[in-house]
Protein backbone atom coordinates (compact mmCIF):
# COMPACT_ATOMS: atom_id res chain seq x y z
CA MET A 1 -152.16 -105.05 -66.59
CA PHE A 2 -150.56 -107.45 -64.13
CA ARG A 3 -149.37 -109.68 -66.97
CA ILE A 4 -147.50 -106.77 -68.52
CA ILE A 5 -145.91 -105.84 -65.19
CA GLY A 6 -144.93 -109.47 -64.65
CA LEU A 7 -143.38 -109.72 -68.10
CA VAL A 8 -141.45 -106.50 -67.58
CA ILE A 9 -140.09 -107.77 -64.27
CA ILE A 10 -139.07 -111.09 -65.83
CA LEU A 11 -137.38 -109.26 -68.70
CA LEU A 12 -135.45 -107.05 -66.28
CA VAL A 13 -134.31 -110.08 -64.26
CA VAL A 14 -133.13 -111.84 -67.43
CA ILE A 15 -131.18 -108.76 -68.50
CA VAL A 16 -129.52 -108.45 -65.10
CA VAL A 17 -128.60 -112.16 -65.05
CA PHE A 18 -127.07 -112.07 -68.53
CA ARG A 19 -125.09 -108.95 -67.75
CA ARG A 20 -123.82 -110.52 -64.55
CA LEU A 21 -122.82 -113.74 -66.32
CA ARG A 22 -121.04 -111.78 -69.02
CA TYR A 23 -119.22 -109.81 -66.31
CA ILE A 24 -118.08 -112.74 -64.17
CA ALA A 25 -117.70 -115.50 -66.78
CA PRO A 26 -114.22 -114.45 -68.02
CA ALA A 27 -112.89 -114.54 -64.48
CA ARG A 28 -114.19 -118.10 -64.03
CA ASN A 29 -112.66 -119.39 -67.29
CA ASN A 30 -109.09 -118.97 -66.11
CA THR A 31 -107.00 -122.12 -65.96
CA ARG A 32 -106.88 -123.38 -62.41
CA ASN A 33 -103.51 -123.81 -60.81
CA GLN A 34 -102.38 -125.48 -57.61
CA SER A 35 -103.06 -122.36 -55.53
CA GLN A 36 -106.72 -122.20 -56.63
CA LYS A 37 -109.17 -122.63 -53.76
CA ASP A 38 -111.27 -125.76 -53.41
CA TYR A 39 -114.77 -124.36 -53.00
CA TYR A 40 -116.18 -127.76 -52.05
CA LYS A 41 -113.84 -127.93 -49.06
CA ILE A 42 -114.56 -124.33 -48.09
CA LEU A 43 -118.31 -125.02 -47.96
CA GLN A 44 -117.70 -128.51 -46.53
CA VAL A 45 -119.86 -130.27 -49.12
CA HIS A 46 -119.39 -133.25 -51.40
CA PRO A 47 -118.80 -132.40 -55.09
CA THR A 48 -122.06 -134.14 -56.04
CA ALA A 49 -124.12 -132.27 -53.43
CA GLU A 50 -127.50 -130.85 -54.45
CA GLN A 51 -128.05 -127.09 -54.62
CA GLU A 52 -130.19 -127.22 -51.46
CA VAL A 53 -127.32 -128.85 -49.55
CA ILE A 54 -124.90 -126.19 -50.78
CA LYS A 55 -127.25 -123.42 -49.71
CA ALA A 56 -127.80 -125.02 -46.29
CA ALA A 57 -124.05 -125.43 -45.79
CA TYR A 58 -123.45 -121.80 -46.75
CA ASP A 59 -126.18 -120.60 -44.38
CA ARG A 60 -124.82 -122.72 -41.53
CA LEU A 61 -121.23 -121.56 -42.01
CA ALA A 62 -122.23 -117.93 -42.59
CA LYS A 63 -124.05 -117.90 -39.26
CA LYS A 64 -120.98 -119.36 -37.58
CA TYR A 65 -118.32 -117.14 -39.16
CA HIS A 66 -120.16 -113.85 -39.75
CA PRO A 67 -117.99 -111.01 -38.33
CA ASP A 68 -120.90 -109.68 -36.27
CA VAL A 69 -121.19 -113.02 -34.47
CA ASN A 70 -117.62 -114.33 -34.51
CA LYS A 71 -115.15 -111.77 -33.16
CA GLU A 72 -112.00 -113.64 -34.21
CA PRO A 73 -109.84 -111.66 -36.68
CA SER A 74 -109.80 -114.57 -39.12
CA SER A 75 -113.60 -114.62 -39.38
CA LEU A 76 -113.60 -111.81 -41.96
CA LYS A 77 -111.29 -113.74 -44.31
CA THR A 78 -113.28 -116.93 -43.74
CA MET A 79 -116.51 -115.12 -44.56
CA LYS A 80 -114.99 -113.71 -47.76
CA ASP A 81 -113.94 -117.23 -48.78
CA LEU A 82 -117.43 -118.55 -48.02
CA ASN A 83 -119.03 -115.81 -50.12
CA GLU A 84 -116.65 -116.49 -53.01
CA ALA A 85 -117.32 -120.23 -52.85
CA TYR A 86 -121.09 -119.76 -52.68
CA GLU A 87 -121.02 -117.28 -55.57
CA VAL A 88 -119.54 -120.01 -57.77
CA LEU A 89 -121.26 -123.12 -56.43
CA GLY A 90 -124.62 -121.45 -55.84
CA ASP A 91 -125.05 -120.64 -59.53
CA LEU A 92 -125.53 -123.69 -61.77
CA ALA A 93 -123.72 -122.27 -64.81
CA ASN A 94 -120.68 -121.22 -62.78
CA ARG A 95 -120.74 -124.49 -60.86
CA ARG A 96 -120.63 -126.54 -64.07
CA LEU A 97 -117.58 -124.63 -65.27
CA TYR A 98 -115.89 -124.89 -61.89
CA HIS A 99 -116.71 -128.60 -61.56
CA GLN A 100 -115.11 -129.39 -64.92
CA GLU A 101 -111.97 -127.52 -63.90
CA TRP A 102 -112.03 -129.20 -60.50
CA LEU A 103 -112.28 -132.65 -62.10
CA ASN A 104 -109.34 -131.87 -64.39
CA GLN A 105 -107.35 -130.72 -61.36
CA GLN A 106 -108.05 -133.98 -59.53
CA LYS A 107 -106.49 -136.07 -62.31
């Protein structure tokens, strides 16, 4: 019984992940231009940083710039940038795509 429930949950998670990737992947495949944000700088991590380091950096910066904690008007925009950067760098598939584009931009 528990095996069936576990398999159903795993199947639902896989479906949600694939739908999400299909939804956001076209937006990430755009050619980067000079005005594109550098997510590594936003999260203050090295481009070769491990996923744990990226998560820790996001958590640290989110605590610092969350609008409930930081009352500066710019904290909302900073938090949006942090969320956008973590959405890309926190997911391995999106990070690989972004990293390739980032490397091409650095040349």
